[in-house]
Amino acid sequence: MPKIQFLGPDPHEVDVAPGTSVLEAARACGAQVGSACGGNLACSTCHVWVRQGLDSLSEIDEREDDIMDKAFDVRPESRLGCQARCSDADLVVEITRESRKAFLDEHPDQAAAATR
């Protein structure tokens, strides 16, 4: 079973079944990855950088590539968490500042706790 490690101010790690999206994994462990559209490939708030295991993820399709144009600071290791599905390899994922901000905007109770 692959493991996904989320890097950021509040790191998390979770074991997932192959085929699980990065966004689903983030939700399962409480990692602060944004999902303003609910994971429906309509925004770029789940934009993450894959630091390890990028080649093991599902391929980027044209729709994801088009939505990625809306993201800030896109890099070669960028993926949308709602579309990137893991295989059997471990991943290390860095949550972008914009994604974390989107998450905290969506969850004001957690944003208040983060500033304490």
N, C-alpha and C. Protein backbone atom coordinates (compact mmCIF):
# COMPACT_ATOMS: atom_id res chain seq x y z
N MET A 1 0.85 -1.18 0.00
CA MET A 1 0.00 0.00 0.00
C MET A 1 0.90 1.24 0.00
N PRO A 2 0.70 2.14 -0.96
CA PRO A 2 1.54 3.33 -1.02
C PRO A 2 1.25 4.30 0.13
N LYS A 3 2.27 5.08 0.44
CA LYS A 3 2.17 6.09 1.49
C LYS A 3 2.36 7.46 0.83
N ILE A 4 1.55 8.42 1.25
CA ILE A 4 1.71 9.79 0.77
C ILE A 4 2.07 10.66 1.96
N GLN A 5 3.18 11.37 1.82
CA GLN A 5 3.62 12.32 2.83
C GLN A 5 3.34 13.71 2.30
N PHE A 6 2.62 14.52 3.09
CA PHE A 6 2.30 15.89 2.73
C PHE A 6 3.22 16.83 3.49
N LEU A 7 3.97 17.65 2.76
CA LEU A 7 4.87 18.63 3.35
C LEU A 7 4.15 19.96 3.46
N GLY A 8 4.45 20.70 4.50
CA GLY A 8 3.87 22.01 4.71
C GLY A 8 4.01 22.37 6.17
N PRO A 9 3.38 23.48 6.58
CA PRO A 9 3.48 23.90 7.97
C PRO A 9 2.91 22.87 8.95
N ASP A 10 1.98 22.07 8.48
CA ASP A 10 1.33 21.05 9.30
C ASP A 10 1.42 19.71 8.56
N PRO A 11 2.60 19.03 8.57
CA PRO A 11 2.79 17.84 7.76
C PRO A 11 1.89 16.67 8.18
N HIS A 12 1.55 15.85 7.20
CA HIS A 12 0.73 14.66 7.41
C HIS A 12 1.27 13.52 6.58
N GLU A 13 0.89 12.30 6.96
CA GLU A 13 1.26 11.11 6.20
C GLU A 13 0.10 10.13 6.28
N VAL A 14 -0.16 9.44 5.15
CA VAL A 14 -1.28 8.53 5.11
C VAL A 14 -0.99 7.38 4.15
N ASP A 15 -1.43 6.18 4.50
CA ASP A 15 -1.39 5.03 3.60
C ASP A 15 -2.67 5.04 2.79
N VAL A 16 -2.56 4.79 1.49
CA VAL A 16 -3.72 4.82 0.61
C VAL A 16 -3.71 3.62 -0.32
N ALA A 17 -4.86 3.31 -0.86
CA ALA A 17 -4.96 2.25 -1.86
C ALA A 17 -4.55 2.81 -3.22
N PRO A 18 -3.93 2.00 -4.06
CA PRO A 18 -3.64 2.46 -5.43
C PRO A 18 -4.93 2.96 -6.09
N GLY A 19 -4.81 4.03 -6.86
CA GLY A 19 -5.98 4.63 -7.51
C GLY A 19 -6.56 5.80 -6.74
N THR A 20 -6.10 6.00 -5.50
CA THR A 20 -6.56 7.13 -4.70
C THR A 20 -5.96 8.42 -5.23
N SER A 21 -6.75 9.46 -5.31
CA SER A 21 -6.21 10.75 -5.76
C SER A 21 -5.47 11.41 -4.59
N VAL A 22 -4.57 12.31 -4.94
CA VAL A 22 -3.84 13.07 -3.93
C VAL A 22 -4.82 13.86 -3.07
N LEU A 23 -5.86 14.42 -3.67
CA LEU A 23 -6.86 15.18 -2.92
C LEU A 23 -7.62 14.27 -1.95
N GLU A 24 -8.02 13.08 -2.38
CA GLU A 24 -8.71 12.14 -1.50
C GLU A 24 -7.82 11.77 -0.32
N ALA A 25 -6.54 11.57 -0.59
CA ALA A 25 -5.58 11.24 0.47
C ALA A 25 -5.46 12.39 1.47
N ALA A 26 -5.41 13.62 0.94
CA ALA A 26 -5.31 14.79 1.80
C ALA A 26 -6.52 14.89 2.72
N ARG A 27 -7.69 14.68 2.17
CA ARG A 27 -8.91 14.72 2.98
C ARG A 27 -8.88 13.63 4.05
N ALA A 28 -8.39 12.45 3.71
CA ALA A 28 -8.37 11.33 4.64
C ALA A 28 -7.48 11.58 5.86
N CYS A 29 -6.42 12.36 5.68
CA CYS A 29 -5.49 12.57 6.80
C CYS A 29 -5.52 13.98 7.36
N GLY A 30 -6.32 14.86 6.78
CA GLY A 30 -6.43 16.22 7.29
C GLY A 30 -5.38 17.18 6.77
N ALA A 31 -4.68 16.81 5.69
CA ALA A 31 -3.72 17.72 5.08
C ALA A 31 -4.48 18.88 4.45
N GLN A 32 -3.93 20.07 4.53
CA GLN A 32 -4.64 21.28 4.14
C GLN A 32 -4.46 21.59 2.65
N VAL A 33 -5.13 20.80 1.81
CA VAL A 33 -5.12 20.99 0.36
C VAL A 33 -6.48 21.57 -0.03
N GLY A 34 -6.48 22.69 -0.73
CA GLY A 34 -7.72 23.34 -1.14
C GLY A 34 -8.52 22.51 -2.12
N SER A 35 -9.81 22.76 -2.14
CA SER A 35 -10.69 22.07 -3.10
C SER A 35 -11.97 22.87 -3.28
N ALA A 36 -11.83 24.11 -3.73
CA ALA A 36 -12.98 25.00 -3.86
C ALA A 36 -14.08 24.42 -4.75
N CYS A 37 -13.71 23.64 -5.76
CA CYS A 37 -14.72 23.07 -6.67
C CYS A 37 -15.17 21.68 -6.23
N GLY A 38 -14.67 21.23 -5.10
CA GLY A 38 -15.06 19.90 -4.62
C GLY A 38 -14.31 18.78 -5.32
N GLY A 39 -13.24 19.09 -6.00
CA GLY A 39 -12.47 18.05 -6.69
C GLY A 39 -13.06 17.68 -8.04
N ASN A 40 -13.72 18.62 -8.69
CA ASN A 40 -14.40 18.35 -9.96
C ASN A 40 -13.68 18.93 -11.18
N LEU A 41 -12.41 19.24 -11.06
CA LEU A 41 -11.60 19.77 -12.16
C LEU A 41 -12.19 21.05 -12.74
N ALA A 42 -12.57 21.95 -11.83
CA ALA A 42 -13.12 23.23 -12.26
C ALA A 42 -12.33 24.42 -11.72
N CYS A 43 -11.30 24.15 -10.93
CA CYS A 43 -10.47 25.22 -10.39
C CYS A 43 -9.05 24.67 -10.23
N SER A 44 -8.17 25.46 -9.67
CA SER A 44 -6.80 24.98 -9.47
C SER A 44 -6.38 25.05 -8.01
N THR A 45 -7.34 25.09 -7.09
CA THR A 45 -6.99 25.24 -5.68
C THR A 45 -6.34 24.01 -5.08
N CYS A 46 -6.39 22.87 -5.74
CA CYS A 46 -5.73 21.66 -5.23
C CYS A 46 -4.34 21.47 -5.85
N HIS A 47 -3.79 22.54 -6.40
CA HIS A 47 -2.46 22.50 -7.02
C HIS A 47 -1.40 22.16 -5.97
N VAL A 48 -0.61 21.12 -6.25
CA VAL A 48 0.47 20.69 -5.37
C VAL A 48 1.73 20.46 -6.20
N TRP A 49 2.87 20.38 -5.51
CA TRP A 49 4.13 20.01 -6.15
C TRP A 49 4.49 18.61 -5.67
N VAL A 50 4.73 17.71 -6.60
CA VAL A 50 5.08 16.34 -6.24
C VAL A 50 6.60 16.25 -6.18
N ARG A 51 7.14 16.10 -4.98
CA ARG A 51 8.58 16.09 -4.76
C ARG A 51 9.19 14.70 -4.99
N GLN A 52 8.40 13.67 -4.80
CA GLN A 52 8.88 12.30 -5.02
C GLN A 52 7.72 11.46 -5.55
N GLY A 53 7.99 10.69 -6.60
CA GLY A 53 6.98 9.78 -7.13
C GLY A 53 6.17 10.33 -8.30
N LEU A 54 6.57 11.45 -8.86
CA LEU A 54 5.80 12.08 -9.94
C LEU A 54 5.55 11.12 -11.11
N ASP A 55 6.56 10.38 -11.50
CA ASP A 55 6.42 9.48 -12.65
C ASP A 55 5.47 8.32 -12.39
N SER A 56 5.16 8.05 -11.13
CA SER A 56 4.26 6.94 -10.82
C SER A 56 2.79 7.34 -10.86
N LEU A 57 2.51 8.63 -10.95
CA LEU A 57 1.12 9.09 -10.96
C LEU A 57 0.46 8.89 -12.31
N SER A 58 -0.86 8.94 -12.31
CA SER A 58 -1.62 8.88 -13.56
C SER A 58 -1.15 10.01 -14.47
N GLU A 59 -1.33 9.84 -15.76
CA GLU A 59 -0.90 10.84 -16.75
C GLU A 59 -1.76 12.10 -16.65
N ILE A 60 -1.14 13.24 -16.97
CA ILE A 60 -1.89 14.50 -17.08
C ILE A 60 -2.65 14.47 -18.40
N ASP A 61 -3.95 14.77 -18.34
CA ASP A 61 -4.70 14.85 -19.59
C ASP A 61 -4.89 16.32 -19.96
N GLU A 62 -5.49 16.55 -21.10
CA GLU A 62 -5.64 17.90 -21.64
C GLU A 62 -6.46 18.81 -20.72
N ARG A 63 -7.51 18.26 -20.11
CA ARG A 63 -8.35 19.07 -19.23
C ARG A 63 -7.58 19.55 -18.01
N GLU A 64 -6.80 18.64 -17.40
CA GLU A 64 -5.99 19.04 -16.24
C GLU A 64 -4.96 20.10 -16.66
N ASP A 65 -4.35 19.88 -17.80
CA ASP A 65 -3.36 20.83 -18.29
C ASP A 65 -3.98 22.21 -18.50
N ASP A 66 -5.20 22.25 -19.03
CA ASP A 66 -5.90 23.53 -19.24
C ASP A 66 -6.19 24.23 -17.91
N ILE A 67 -6.66 23.49 -16.92
CA ILE A 67 -6.98 24.08 -15.61
C ILE A 67 -5.70 24.52 -14.91
N MET A 68 -4.62 23.79 -15.13
CA MET A 68 -3.34 24.14 -14.51
C MET A 68 -2.90 25.56 -14.90
N ASP A 69 -3.37 26.04 -16.05
CA ASP A 69 -3.05 27.41 -16.48
C ASP A 69 -3.56 28.46 -15.50
N LYS A 70 -4.53 28.10 -14.67
CA LYS A 70 -5.09 29.02 -13.68
C LYS A 70 -4.28 29.06 -12.39
N ALA A 71 -3.40 28.09 -12.21
CA ALA A 71 -2.63 27.97 -10.97
C ALA A 71 -1.47 28.96 -10.94
N PHE A 72 -1.01 29.25 -9.74
CA PHE A 72 0.12 30.14 -9.54
C PHE A 72 1.38 29.31 -9.30
N ASP A 73 2.49 29.73 -9.88
CA ASP A 73 3.80 29.10 -9.70
C ASP A 73 3.80 27.63 -10.16
N VAL A 74 3.31 27.42 -11.36
CA VAL A 74 3.31 26.07 -11.94
C VAL A 74 4.74 25.69 -12.29
N ARG A 75 5.10 24.46 -11.93
CA ARG A 75 6.44 23.93 -12.13
C ARG A 75 6.33 22.58 -12.82
N PRO A 76 7.45 22.03 -13.28
CA PRO A 76 7.40 20.71 -13.92
C PRO A 76 6.80 19.62 -13.01
N GLU A 77 6.92 19.79 -11.70
CA GLU A 77 6.39 18.79 -10.76
C GLU A 77 4.98 19.13 -10.26
N SER A 78 4.32 20.08 -10.90
CA SER A 78 2.97 20.48 -10.51
C SER A 78 1.94 19.46 -10.98
N ARG A 79 0.95 19.24 -10.11
CA ARG A 79 -0.23 18.44 -10.46
C ARG A 79 -1.43 19.00 -9.72
N LEU A 80 -2.61 18.71 -10.24
CA LEU A 80 -3.84 19.00 -9.52
C LEU A 80 -4.16 17.77 -8.69
N GLY A 81 -4.31 17.97 -7.40
CA GLY A 81 -4.54 16.86 -6.49
C GLY A 81 -5.78 16.04 -6.81
N CYS A 82 -6.79 16.67 -7.39
CA CYS A 82 -8.03 15.95 -7.72
C CYS A 82 -7.85 15.00 -8.89
N GLN A 83 -6.82 15.20 -9.68
CA GLN A 83 -6.62 14.39 -10.89
C GLN A 83 -5.45 13.41 -10.77
N ALA A 84 -4.49 13.71 -9.91
CA ALA A 84 -3.30 12.87 -9.77
C ALA A 84 -3.64 11.65 -8.92
N ARG A 85 -3.65 10.48 -9.55
CA ARG A 85 -3.97 9.23 -8.86
C ARG A 85 -2.70 8.42 -8.68
N CYS A 86 -2.54 7.89 -7.46
CA CYS A 86 -1.32 7.16 -7.15
C CYS A 86 -1.39 5.73 -7.67
N SER A 87 -0.21 5.15 -7.84
CA SER A 87 -0.10 3.74 -8.21
C SER A 87 0.33 3.00 -6.95
N ASP A 88 1.40 2.25 -7.03
CA ASP A 88 1.86 1.52 -5.85
C ASP A 88 3.13 2.13 -5.26
N ALA A 89 3.53 3.31 -5.73
CA ALA A 89 4.74 3.98 -5.25
C ALA A 89 4.40 5.02 -4.17
N ASP A 90 5.32 5.20 -3.25
CA ASP A 90 5.17 6.25 -2.24
C ASP A 90 5.33 7.62 -2.89
N LEU A 91 4.68 8.61 -2.31
CA LEU A 91 4.74 9.98 -2.81
C LEU A 91 5.13 10.94 -1.70
N VAL A 92 5.82 11.99 -2.09
CA VAL A 92 6.05 13.13 -1.21
C VAL A 92 5.48 14.33 -1.95
N VAL A 93 4.52 15.01 -1.33
CA VAL A 93 3.78 16.09 -1.96
C VAL A 93 3.91 17.34 -1.11
N GLU A 94 4.28 18.45 -1.74
CA GLU A 94 4.33 19.73 -1.05
C GLU A 94 3.07 20.51 -1.38
N ILE A 95 2.40 20.95 -0.35
CA ILE A 95 1.19 21.75 -0.53
C ILE A 95 1.60 23.18 -0.85
N THR A 96 1.12 23.71 -1.97
CA THR A 96 1.48 25.08 -2.34
C THR A 96 0.83 26.07 -1.37
N ARG A 97 1.42 27.23 -1.27
CA ARG A 97 0.90 28.28 -0.40
C ARG A 97 -0.53 28.64 -0.81
N GLU A 98 -0.77 28.72 -2.11
CA GLU A 98 -2.11 29.08 -2.61
C GLU A 98 -3.14 28.00 -2.26
N SER A 99 -2.74 26.74 -2.34
CA SER A 99 -3.66 25.65 -2.01
C SER A 99 -4.00 25.68 -0.52
N ARG A 100 -3.01 25.89 0.31
CA ARG A 100 -3.26 25.96 1.76
C ARG A 100 -4.15 27.16 2.08
N LYS A 101 -3.90 28.30 1.43
CA LYS A 101 -4.74 29.47 1.66
C LYS A 101 -6.18 29.18 1.25
N ALA A 102 -6.36 28.52 0.10
CA ALA A 102 -7.71 28.16 -0.34
C ALA A 102 -8.38 27.25 0.69
N PHE A 103 -7.62 26.28 1.22
CA PHE A 103 -8.17 25.38 2.24
C PHE A 103 -8.62 26.18 3.46
N LEU A 104 -7.76 27.08 3.93
CA LEU A 104 -8.10 27.85 5.12
C LEU A 104 -9.27 28.80 4.87
N ASP A 105 -9.40 29.31 3.64
CA ASP A 105 -10.57 30.13 3.28
C ASP A 105 -11.84 29.30 3.32
N GLU A 106 -11.73 28.02 2.94
CA GLU A 106 -12.88 27.11 2.93
C GLU A 106 -13.22 26.62 4.33
N HIS A 107 -12.26 26.67 5.25
CA HIS A 107 -12.42 26.16 6.61
C HIS A 107 -12.00 27.24 7.62
N PRO A 108 -12.82 28.27 7.81
CA PRO A 108 -12.43 29.39 8.67
C PRO A 108 -12.14 28.98 10.11
N ASP A 109 -12.78 27.92 10.59
CA ASP A 109 -12.51 27.45 11.95
C ASP A 109 -11.06 27.00 12.09
N GLN A 110 -10.53 26.32 11.08
CA GLN A 110 -9.15 25.89 11.11
C GLN A 110 -8.19 27.05 10.88
N ALA A 111 -8.63 28.04 10.10
CA ALA A 111 -7.80 29.22 9.89
C ALA A 111 -7.62 29.97 11.20
N ALA A 112 -8.68 30.09 11.99
CA ALA A 112 -8.59 30.77 13.27
C ALA A 112 -7.65 30.01 14.21
N ALA A 113 -7.73 28.70 14.21
CA ALA A 113 -6.86 27.88 15.05
C ALA A 113 -5.41 28.00 14.62
N ALA A 114 -5.16 28.15 13.33
CA ALA A 114 -3.80 28.24 12.80
C ALA A 114 -3.11 29.54 13.21
N THR A 115 -3.89 30.58 13.51
CA THR A 115 -3.30 31.86 13.87
C THR A 115 -3.10 32.01 15.38
N ARG A 116 -3.55 31.04 16.12
CA ARG A 116 -3.39 31.11 17.60
C ARG A 116 -2.02 30.68 18.01
